[in-house]
Amino acid sequence: MTGRAGWWPRGLGWMPPTAFLLLWIVVALVGPWLPLTPNAVDLPAILAGPGPGSLLGSDDLGRPVLDRLLVGARIAFLVGFGVVALSALVGVLVGGISAFAGGWVDLVLVRLIDVFLAFPGILLAIALAGILGPGIDNLIIALSVTGWVGYARLTRAQILALKERDHVTAARALGVGPGRILFRHLLPLALAPLIVEATFGIAGVVVAEAGLSFLGLGVQPPQASWGSMIRDGVSYMLVAPHLVIAPGVAIAWVVFSVNLLGDRLRDWLDVRHPG
């Protein structure tokens, strides 16, 4: 159910997605000031299960899984919002200029978009991450290079539908420059679908970051990432399943919550929606 009323189905848990996302954002922002010890090795606690002294147990080096999970939340937040912000900035500029300029400019930029669409996004991101090397900055760049295309296509479609409206024609007649028309009269009207696209994009980036970190192309040890935590815990699935379950559930909850929030925003920003 994705209507405005009752959009959170009963029985799916005690924490609505909005509250969980707020918790994720708060943990990511205040994480550096929390008394966390994600890299503290405790040999007697190796592979210890969840208990009173350690809510989520310890990993193969005796490090607290909860502390590493909270640090991984900050990594996922930084990469997710960083990639979406950079991708949206590039995509909106390319798509807006392409649609508004038209002619050979539109033809060249559309062909550029088609070239990037010809490559599977995740494979191109893996190749770029391998070339640039591991690290958060390189990871954001690699995912942004493949992520801007969707925003460019959506922006171009919106501007093409809007640029012949009466208020745009009146602005041209009054001598308003093309840049001001694009940024003051067209892009604000295209923000609603772009916001929804960005919301869904965060979920995709969180999964992509976890996947690249799982492959060893994201953040490097000893820094914690949800993907690298799953990679390190795979070898101990039978004796310490909490090493995989904890980051796996965190990824699933974030993606699920962001997608539901995107559904909510899509219904709320759609002026044709009856509810």
C-alpha atoms as a PDB file:
ATOM      1  CA  MET A   1       0.000   0.000   0.000  1.00  0.00           C
ATOM      2  CA  THR A   2       1.583   3.264  -1.091  1.00  0.00           C
ATOM      3  CA  GLY A   3      -1.238   5.764  -0.649  1.00  0.00           C
ATOM      4  CA  ARG A   4      -0.925   8.769   1.598  1.00  0.00           C
ATOM      5  CA  ALA A   5      -2.891   7.138   4.348  1.00  0.00           C
ATOM      6  CA  GLY A   6      -1.721   3.894   5.826  1.00  0.00           C
ATOM      7  CA  TRP A   7       1.322   3.625   3.604  1.00  0.00           C
ATOM      8  CA  TRP A   8       3.232   1.643   6.262  1.00  0.00           C
ATOM      9  CA  PRO A   9       1.654  -1.849   6.364  1.00  0.00           C
ATOM     10  CA  ARG A  10       0.871  -3.111   9.830  1.00  0.00           C
ATOM     11  CA  GLY A  11       2.736  -6.115  11.093  1.00  0.00           C
ATOM     12  CA  LEU A  12       5.991  -5.374   9.268  1.00  0.00           C
ATOM     13  CA  GLY A  13       7.854  -4.248  12.352  1.00  0.00           C
ATOM     14  CA  TRP A  14       7.856  -1.757  15.162  1.00  0.00           C
ATOM     15  CA  MET A  15       9.988   0.889  13.465  1.00  0.00           C
ATOM     16  CA  PRO A  16       8.496   2.795  10.520  1.00  0.00           C
ATOM     17  CA  PRO A  17      10.920   3.487   7.682  1.00  0.00           C
ATOM     18  CA  THR A  18      11.064   7.223   8.356  1.00  0.00           C
ATOM     19  CA  ALA A  19      12.164   6.648  11.947  1.00  0.00           C
ATOM     20  CA  PHE A  20      14.747   4.095  10.855  1.00  0.00           C
ATOM     21  CA  LEU A  21      16.158   6.486   8.239  1.00  0.00           C
ATOM     22  CA  LEU A  22      16.348   9.261  10.810  1.00  0.00           C
ATOM     23  CA  LEU A  23      18.203   6.897  13.149  1.00  0.00           C
ATOM     24  CA  TRP A  24      20.607   5.996  10.316  1.00  0.00           C
ATOM     25  CA  ILE A  25      21.265   9.666   9.529  1.00  0.00           C
ATOM     26  CA  VAL A  26      21.744  10.603  13.202  1.00  0.00           C
ATOM     27  CA  VAL A  27      24.170   7.715  13.773  1.00  0.00           C
ATOM     28  CA  ALA A  28      26.106   8.676  10.636  1.00  0.00           C
ATOM     29  CA  LEU A  29      26.359  12.337  11.638  1.00  0.00           C
ATOM     30  CA  VAL A  30      27.214  11.900  15.315  1.00  0.00           C
ATOM     31  CA  GLY A  31      29.276   8.733  14.812  1.00  0.00           C
ATOM     32  CA  PRO A  32      32.687  10.435  15.149  1.00  0.00           C
ATOM     33  CA  TRP A  33      31.719  11.682  18.622  1.00  0.00           C
ATOM     34  CA  LEU A  34      30.373   8.361  19.901  1.00  0.00           C
ATOM     35  CA  PRO A  35      32.614   6.301  22.208  1.00  0.00           C
ATOM     36  CA  LEU A  36      33.107   3.550  19.639  1.00  0.00           C
ATOM     37  CA  THR A  37      36.037   1.130  19.436  1.00  0.00           C
ATOM     38  CA  PRO A  38      35.501  -0.610  16.075  1.00  0.00           C
ATOM     39  CA  ASN A  39      39.130  -1.715  15.746  1.00  0.00           C
ATOM     40  CA  ALA A  40      39.760  -2.804  19.345  1.00  0.00           C
ATOM     41  CA  VAL A  41      40.999  -6.417  19.242  1.00  0.00           C
ATOM     42  CA  ASP A  42      39.884  -8.671  22.111  1.00  0.00           C
ATOM     43  CA  LEU A  43      41.324 -12.159  21.567  1.00  0.00           C
ATOM     44  CA  PRO A  44      39.237 -13.944  24.259  1.00  0.00           C
ATOM     45  CA  ALA A  45      36.086 -12.612  22.566  1.00  0.00           C
ATOM     46  CA  ILE A  46      36.859 -13.978  19.087  1.00  0.00           C
ATOM     47  CA  LEU A  47      33.624 -15.074  17.349  1.00  0.00           C
ATOM     48  CA  ALA A  48      31.653 -14.511  20.546  1.00  0.00           C
ATOM     49  CA  GLY A  49      27.927 -14.435  19.978  1.00  0.00           C
ATOM     50  CA  PRO A  50      25.546 -11.671  20.991  1.00  0.00           C
ATOM     51  CA  GLY A  51      25.230 -11.239  24.727  1.00  0.00           C
ATOM     52  CA  PRO A  52      24.862  -8.718  27.564  1.00  0.00           C
ATOM     53  CA  GLY A  53      28.424  -7.467  27.220  1.00  0.00           C
ATOM     54  CA  SER A  54      28.275  -7.231  23.419  1.00  0.00           C
ATOM     55  CA  LEU A  55      24.845  -6.800  21.895  1.00  0.00           C
ATOM     56  CA  LEU A  56      25.848  -8.108  18.449  1.00  0.00           C
ATOM     57  CA  GLY A  57      28.835 -10.218  19.437  1.00  0.00           C
ATOM     58  CA  SER A  58      32.402 -10.035  18.153  1.00  0.00           C
ATOM     59  CA  ASP A  59      34.083 -10.822  14.838  1.00  0.00           C
ATOM     60  CA  ASP A  60      37.008 -13.076  13.963  1.00  0.00           C
ATOM     61  CA  LEU A  61      39.446 -10.665  15.639  1.00  0.00           C
ATOM     62  CA  GLY A  62      37.327 -10.029  18.704  1.00  0.00           C
ATOM     63  CA  ARG A  63      36.212  -6.597  17.503  1.00  0.00           C
ATOM     64  CA  PRO A  64      32.691  -5.483  18.536  1.00  0.00           C
ATOM     65  CA  VAL A  65      30.257  -6.019  15.677  1.00  0.00           C
ATOM     66  CA  LEU A  66      27.898  -3.281  16.909  1.00  0.00           C
ATOM     67  CA  ASP A  67      30.625  -0.624  16.862  1.00  0.00           C
ATOM     68  CA  ARG A  68      31.715  -1.690  13.398  1.00  0.00           C
ATOM     69  CA  LEU A  69      28.092  -1.680  12.235  1.00  0.00           C
ATOM     70  CA  LEU A  70      27.656   1.914  13.403  1.00  0.00           C
ATOM     71  CA  VAL A  71      30.868   2.987  11.679  1.00  0.00           C
ATOM     72  CA  GLY A  72      29.678   1.211   8.528  1.00  0.00           C
ATOM     73  CA  ALA A  73      26.448   3.214   8.722  1.00  0.00           C
ATOM     74  CA  ARG A  74      28.505   6.404   8.381  1.00  0.00           C
ATOM     75  CA  ILE A  75      30.362   4.998   5.359  1.00  0.00           C
ATOM     76  CA  ALA A  76      27.094   4.010   3.684  1.00  0.00           C
ATOM     77  CA  PHE A  77      25.644   7.462   4.419  1.00  0.00           C
ATOM     78  CA  LEU A  78      28.638   9.369   3.054  1.00  0.00           C
ATOM     79  CA  VAL A  79      28.853   7.299  -0.110  1.00  0.00           C
ATOM     80  CA  GLY A  80      25.077   7.195  -0.662  1.00  0.00           C
ATOM     81  CA  PHE A  81      24.431  10.909  -0.330  1.00  0.00           C
ATOM     82  CA  GLY A  82      27.752  11.878  -1.915  1.00  0.00           C
ATOM     83  CA  VAL A  83      27.142   9.835  -5.053  1.00  0.00           C
ATOM     84  CA  VAL A  84      23.532  10.969  -5.384  1.00  0.00           C
ATOM     85  CA  ALA A  85      24.474  14.650  -4.940  1.00  0.00           C
ATOM     86  CA  LEU A  86      27.305  14.495  -7.485  1.00  0.00           C
ATOM     87  CA  SER A  87      25.345  12.373  -9.959  1.00  0.00           C
ATOM     88  CA  ALA A  88      22.284  14.621  -9.718  1.00  0.00           C
ATOM     89  CA  LEU A  89      24.370  17.775 -10.199  1.00  0.00           C
ATOM     90  CA  VAL A  90      26.064  16.452 -13.352  1.00  0.00           C
ATOM     91  CA  GLY A  91      22.937  14.770 -14.706  1.00  0.00           C
ATOM     92  CA  VAL A  92      20.688  17.796 -14.223  1.00  0.00           C
ATOM     93  CA  LEU A  93      23.182  20.096 -15.932  1.00  0.00           C
ATOM     94  CA  VAL A  94      23.730  17.752 -18.875  1.00  0.00           C
ATOM     95  CA  GLY A  95      20.045  16.912 -19.308  1.00  0.00           C
ATOM     96  CA  GLY A  96      18.894  20.514 -18.893  1.00  0.00           C
ATOM     97  CA  ILE A  97      21.415  21.919 -21.365  1.00  0.00           C
ATOM     98  CA  SER A  98      20.676  19.129 -23.839  1.00  0.00           C
ATOM     99  CA  ALA A  99      16.910  19.675 -23.850  1.00  0.00           C
ATOM    100  CA  PHE A 100      16.971  23.467 -23.742  1.00  0.00           C
ATOM    101  CA  ALA A 101      19.699  24.007 -26.346  1.00  0.00           C
ATOM    102  CA  GLY A 102      18.411  21.438 -28.829  1.00  0.00           C
ATOM    103  CA  GLY A 103      20.030  21.007 -32.248  1.00  0.00           C
ATOM    104  CA  TRP A 104      23.519  19.563 -32.465  1.00  0.00           C
ATOM    105  CA  VAL A 105      24.144  20.119 -28.742  1.00  0.00           C
ATOM    106  CA  ASP A 106      21.208  17.875 -27.891  1.00  0.00           C
ATOM    107  CA  LEU A 107      22.346  15.305 -30.461  1.00  0.00           C
ATOM    108  CA  VAL A 108      25.891  15.114 -29.060  1.00  0.00           C
ATOM    109  CA  LEU A 109      24.792  14.901 -25.426  1.00  0.00           C
ATOM    110  CA  VAL A 110      22.144  12.273 -26.179  1.00  0.00           C
ATOM    111  CA  ARG A 111      24.772  10.165 -27.941  1.00  0.00           C
ATOM    112  CA  LEU A 112      27.031  10.572 -24.895  1.00  0.00           C
ATOM    113  CA  ILE A 113      24.222   9.351 -22.663  1.00  0.00           C
ATOM    114  CA  ASP A 114      23.647   6.395 -24.992  1.00  0.00           C
ATOM    115  CA  VAL A 115      27.330   5.467 -24.766  1.00  0.00           C
ATOM    116  CA  PHE A 116      27.176   5.270 -20.972  1.00  0.00           C
ATOM    117  CA  LEU A 117      23.916   3.327 -21.151  1.00  0.00           C
ATOM    118  CA  ALA A 118      25.582   0.757 -23.383  1.00  0.00           C
ATOM    119  CA  PHE A 119      27.760  -0.395 -20.468  1.00  0.00           C
ATOM    120  CA  PRO A 120      26.305  -2.231 -17.450  1.00  0.00           C
ATOM    121  CA  GLY A 121      26.546   0.327 -14.655  1.00  0.00           C
ATOM    122  CA  ILE A 122      27.912  -1.931 -11.937  1.00  0.00           C
ATOM    123  CA  LEU A 123      30.558  -3.441 -14.236  1.00  0.00           C
ATOM    124  CA  LEU A 124      31.725   0.015 -15.266  1.00  0.00           C
ATOM    125  CA  ALA A 125      31.834   1.051 -11.604  1.00  0.00           C
ATOM    126  CA  ILE A 126      33.909  -2.045 -10.753  1.00  0.00           C
ATOM    127  CA  ALA A 127      36.345  -1.253 -13.572  1.00  0.00           C
ATOM    128  CA  LEU A 128      36.670   2.389 -12.520  1.00  0.00           C
ATOM    129  CA  ALA A 129      37.071   1.484  -8.843  1.00  0.00           C
ATOM    130  CA  GLY A 130      39.811  -0.956  -9.810  1.00  0.00           C
ATOM    131  CA  ILE A 131      41.600   1.690 -11.897  1.00  0.00           C
ATOM    132  CA  LEU A 132      41.247   4.517  -9.369  1.00  0.00           C
ATOM    133  CA  GLY A 133      42.105   2.330  -6.398  1.00  0.00           C
ATOM    134  CA  PRO A 134      40.276   1.740  -3.110  1.00  0.00           C
ATOM    135  CA  GLY A 135      39.010   4.532  -0.894  1.00  0.00           C
ATOM    136  CA  ILE A 136      35.819   6.473  -0.219  1.00  0.00           C
ATOM    137  CA  ASP A 137      36.647   9.341  -2.590  1.00  0.00           C
ATOM    138  CA  ASN A 138      37.444   7.030  -5.494  1.00  0.00           C
ATOM    139  CA  LEU A 139      34.368   4.954  -4.717  1.00  0.00           C
ATOM    140  CA  ILE A 140      32.144   8.041  -4.922  1.00  0.00           C
ATOM    141  CA  ILE A 141      33.740   9.063  -8.223  1.00  0.00           C
ATOM    142  CA  ALA A 142      33.375   5.565  -9.711  1.00  0.00           C
ATOM    143  CA  LEU A 143      29.693   5.293  -8.792  1.00  0.00           C
ATOM    144  CA  SER A 144      28.959   8.873  -9.886  1.00  0.00           C
ATOM    145  CA  VAL A 145      30.431   8.288 -13.345  1.00  0.00           C
ATOM    146  CA  THR A 146      27.750   5.667 -13.923  1.00  0.00           C
ATOM    147  CA  GLY A 147      24.983   7.290 -11.864  1.00  0.00           C
ATOM    148  CA  TRP A 148      24.476  10.639 -13.590  1.00  0.00           C
ATOM    149  CA  VAL A 149      22.884   9.138 -16.718  1.00  0.00           C
ATOM    150  CA  GLY A 150      19.491   8.488 -15.143  1.00  0.00           C
ATOM    151  CA  TYR A 151      19.223  12.063 -13.877  1.00  0.00           C
ATOM    152  CA  ALA A 152      20.254  13.401 -17.294  1.00  0.00           C
ATOM    153  CA  ARG A 153      17.578  11.410 -19.119  1.00  0.00           C
ATOM    154  CA  LEU A 154      14.879  12.373 -16.625  1.00  0.00           C
ATOM    155  CA  THR A 155      15.841  16.054 -16.680  1.00  0.00           C
ATOM    156  CA  ARG A 156      15.929  16.123 -20.475  1.00  0.00           C
ATOM    157  CA  ALA A 157      12.463  14.562 -20.688  1.00  0.00           C
ATOM    158  CA  GLN A 158      11.056  17.043 -18.169  1.00  0.00           C
ATOM    159  CA  ILE A 159      12.588  20.105 -19.842  1.00  0.00           C
ATOM    160  CA  LEU A 160      11.373  19.009 -23.273  1.00  0.00           C
ATOM    161  CA  ALA A 161       7.851  18.819 -21.876  1.00  0.00           C
ATOM    162  CA  LEU A 162       8.108  22.195 -20.128  1.00  0.00           C
ATOM    163  CA  LYS A 163      10.084  24.483 -22.432  1.00  0.00           C
ATOM    164  CA  GLU A 164       7.144  25.306 -24.716  1.00  0.00           C
ATOM    165  CA  ARG A 165       4.868  26.489 -21.923  1.00  0.00           C
ATOM    166  CA  ASP A 166       3.433  29.974 -22.019  1.00  0.00           C
ATOM    167  CA  HIS A 167       5.533  31.376 -19.170  1.00  0.00           C
ATOM    168  CA  VAL A 168       8.722  30.275 -20.936  1.00  0.00           C
ATOM    169  CA  THR A 169       7.575  31.859 -24.200  1.00  0.00           C
ATOM    170  CA  ALA A 170       6.762  35.056 -22.301  1.00  0.00           C
ATOM    171  CA  ALA A 171      10.199  35.050 -20.670  1.00  0.00           C
ATOM    172  CA  ARG A 172      11.857  34.719 -24.079  1.00  0.00           C
ATOM    173  CA  ALA A 173       9.743  37.586 -25.424  1.00  0.00           C
ATOM    174  CA  LEU A 174      10.881  39.768 -22.520  1.00  0.00           C
ATOM    175  CA  GLY A 175      14.523  39.096 -23.382  1.00  0.00           C
ATOM    176  CA  VAL A 176      15.351  36.819 -20.470  1.00  0.00           C
ATOM    177  CA  GLY A 177      18.612  34.938 -21.091  1.00  0.00           C
ATOM    178  CA  PRO A 178      18.630  31.174 -21.709  1.00  0.00           C
ATOM    179  CA  GLY A 179      20.549  30.436 -18.520  1.00  0.00           C
ATOM    180  CA  ARG A 180      18.047  32.258 -16.357  1.00  0.00           C
ATOM    181  CA  ILE A 181      15.114  30.607 -18.132  1.00  0.00           C
ATOM    182  CA  LEU A 182      16.622  27.193 -17.547  1.00  0.00           C
ATOM    183  CA  PHE A 183      17.510  27.671 -13.884  1.00  0.00           C
ATOM    184  CA  ARG A 184      14.681  29.976 -12.795  1.00  0.00           C
ATOM    185  CA  HIS A 185      11.707  28.897 -14.907  1.00  0.00           C
ATOM    186  CA  LEU A 186      12.271  25.275 -15.953  1.00  0.00           C
ATOM    187  CA  LEU A 187      14.389  23.316 -13.474  1.00  0.00           C
ATOM    188  CA  PRO A 188      12.254  24.254 -10.422  1.00  0.00           C
ATOM    189  CA  LEU A 189       9.250  22.683 -12.170  1.00  0.00           C
ATOM    190  CA  ALA A 190      11.229  19.483 -12.778  1.00  0.00           C
ATOM    191  CA  LEU A 191      12.372  19.068  -9.172  1.00  0.00           C
ATOM    192  CA  ALA A 192       9.577  16.745  -7.998  1.00  0.00           C
ATOM    193  CA  PRO A 193      10.480  13.717 -10.171  1.00  0.00           C
ATOM    194  CA  LEU A 194      14.187  14.406  -9.622  1.00  0.00           C
ATOM    195  CA  ILE A 195      13.733  14.284  -5.844  1.00  0.00           C
ATOM    196  CA  VAL A 196      11.956  10.940  -6.155  1.00  0.00           C
ATOM    197  CA  GLU A 197      14.701   9.647  -8.466  1.00  0.00           C
ATOM    198  CA  ALA A 198      17.363  10.754  -5.981  1.00  0.00           C
ATOM    199  CA  THR A 199      15.569   8.989  -3.132  1.00  0.00           C
ATOM    200  CA  PHE A 200      15.519   5.682  -4.983  1.00  0.00           C
ATOM    201  CA  GLY A 201      19.107   6.359  -6.063  1.00  0.00           C
ATOM    202  CA  ILE A 202      20.306   6.355  -2.447  1.00  0.00           C
ATOM    203  CA  ALA A 203      19.074   2.781  -2.018  1.00  0.00           C
ATOM    204  CA  GLY A 204      20.869   1.681  -5.169  1.00  0.00           C
ATOM    205  CA  VAL A 205      24.114   3.346  -4.119  1.00  0.00           C
ATOM    206  CA  VAL A 206      24.038   1.735  -0.663  1.00  0.00           C
ATOM    207  CA  VAL A 207      23.773  -1.691  -2.311  1.00  0.00           C
ATOM    208  CA  ALA A 208      26.482  -0.821  -4.861  1.00  0.00           C
ATOM    209  CA  GLU A 209      28.840   0.416  -2.131  1.00  0.00           C
ATOM    210  CA  ALA A 210      28.321  -2.770  -0.154  1.00  0.00           C
ATOM    211  CA  GLY A 211      28.954  -4.842  -3.264  1.00  0.00           C
ATOM    212  CA  LEU A 212      32.178  -3.045  -4.147  1.00  0.00           C
ATOM    213  CA  SER A 213      33.400  -3.235  -0.556  1.00  0.00           C
ATOM    214  CA  PHE A 214      32.571  -6.948  -0.554  1.00  0.00           C
ATOM    215  CA  LEU A 215      34.849  -7.298  -3.589  1.00  0.00           C
ATOM    216  CA  GLY A 216      37.609  -5.349  -1.852  1.00  0.00           C
ATOM    217  CA  LEU A 217      37.234  -2.245  -4.055  1.00  0.00           C
ATOM    218  CA  GLY A 218      35.665   0.005  -1.427  1.00  0.00           C
ATOM    219  CA  VAL A 219      36.961   1.090   1.946  1.00  0.00           C
ATOM    220  CA  GLN A 220      39.956  -0.882   3.125  1.00  0.00           C
ATOM    221  CA  PRO A 221      40.696  -2.682   6.409  1.00  0.00           C
ATOM    222  CA  PRO A 222      40.660  -1.946   9.239  1.00  0.00           C
ATOM    223  CA  GLN A 223      37.947   0.594   8.359  1.00  0.00           C
ATOM    224  CA  ALA A 224      34.500  -0.956   8.680  1.00  0.00           C
ATOM    225  CA  SER A 225      31.957  -1.173   5.900  1.00  0.00           C
ATOM    226  CA  TRP A 226      28.800  -3.238   5.748  1.00  0.00           C
ATOM    227  CA  GLY A 227      29.999  -4.951   2.575  1.00  0.00           C
ATOM    228  CA  SER A 228      33.437  -5.783   3.974  1.00  0.00           C
ATOM    229  CA  MET A 229      31.826  -7.043   7.193  1.00  0.00           C
ATOM    230  CA  ILE A 230      29.768  -9.506   5.162  1.00  0.00           C
ATOM    231  CA  ARG A 231      32.868 -10.557   3.214  1.00  0.00           C
ATOM    232  CA  ASP A 232      34.828 -11.186   6.422  1.00  0.00           C
ATOM    233  CA  GLY A 233      31.935 -13.080   7.999  1.00  0.00           C
ATOM    234  CA  VAL A 234      31.207 -15.434   5.097  1.00  0.00           C
ATOM    235  CA  SER A 235      33.972 -17.814   6.201  1.00  0.00           C
ATOM    236  CA  TYR A 236      32.345 -18.183   9.642  1.00  0.00           C
ATOM    237  CA  MET A 237      28.706 -18.531   8.573  1.00  0.00           C
ATOM    238  CA  LEU A 238      28.245 -21.874  10.337  1.00  0.00           C
ATOM    239  CA  VAL A 239      29.897 -20.968  13.645  1.00  0.00           C
ATOM    240  CA  ALA A 240      29.150 -17.222  13.847  1.00  0.00           C
ATOM    241  CA  PRO A 241      26.216 -16.306  11.583  1.00  0.00           C
ATOM    242  CA  HIS A 242      25.788 -12.980  13.392  1.00  0.00           C
ATOM    243  CA  LEU A 243      28.799 -11.653  11.469  1.00  0.00           C
ATOM    244  CA  VAL A 244      26.747 -11.753   8.269  1.00  0.00           C
ATOM    245  CA  ILE A 245      23.244 -11.315   9.640  1.00  0.00           C
ATOM    246  CA  ALA A 246      23.917  -7.964  11.366  1.00  0.00           C
ATOM    247  CA  PRO A 247      25.261  -6.020   8.334  1.00  0.00           C
ATOM    248  CA  GLY A 248      22.893  -7.876   6.003  1.00  0.00           C
ATOM    249  CA  VAL A 249      19.853  -6.806   8.010  1.00  0.00           C
ATOM    250  CA  ALA A 250      21.199  -3.226   8.189  1.00  0.00           C
ATOM    251  CA  ILE A 251      21.542  -3.052   4.382  1.00  0.00           C
ATOM    252  CA  ALA A 252      18.102  -4.600   3.877  1.00  0.00           C
ATOM    253  CA  TRP A 253      16.441  -2.187   6.325  1.00  0.00           C
ATOM    254  CA  VAL A 254      18.059   0.890   4.788  1.00  0.00           C
ATOM    255  CA  VAL A 255      17.179  -0.115   1.229  1.00  0.00           C
ATOM    256  CA  PHE A 256      13.652  -1.137   2.200  1.00  0.00           C
ATOM    257  CA  SER A 257      13.056   2.073   4.139  1.00  0.00           C
ATOM    258  CA  VAL A 258      14.484   4.342   1.427  1.00  0.00           C
ATOM    259  CA  ASN A 259      12.377   2.652  -1.246  1.00  0.00           C
ATOM    260  CA  LEU A 260       9.225   3.029   0.830  1.00  0.00           C
ATOM    261  CA  LEU A 261      10.087   6.663   1.460  1.00  0.00           C
ATOM    262  CA  GLY A 262      10.559   7.154  -2.287  1.00  0.00           C
ATOM    263  CA  ASP A 263       7.141   5.605  -2.864  1.00  0.00           C
ATOM    264  CA  ARG A 264       5.675   7.994  -0.304  1.00  0.00           C
ATOM    265  CA  LEU A 265       7.335  11.016  -1.911  1.00  0.00           C
ATOM    266  CA  ARG A 266       6.198   9.972  -5.378  1.00  0.00           C
ATOM    267  CA  ASP A 267       2.565   9.835  -4.228  1.00  0.00           C
ATOM    268  CA  TRP A 268       2.845  13.067  -2.240  1.00  0.00           C
ATOM    269  CA  LEU A 269       4.541  15.083  -5.014  1.00  0.00           C
ATOM    270  CA  ASP A 270       2.183  13.810  -7.716  1.00  0.00           C
ATOM    271  CA  VAL A 271      -0.432  16.549  -8.020  1.00  0.00           C
ATOM    272  CA  ARG A 272      -2.712  14.149  -9.899  1.00  0.00           C
ATOM    273  CA  HIS A 273      -2.835  11.777  -6.932  1.00  0.00           C
ATOM    274  CA  PRO A 274      -6.372  11.808  -5.485  1.00  0.00           C
ATOM    275  CA  GLY A 275      -5.344  11.063  -1.886  1.00  0.00           C
END
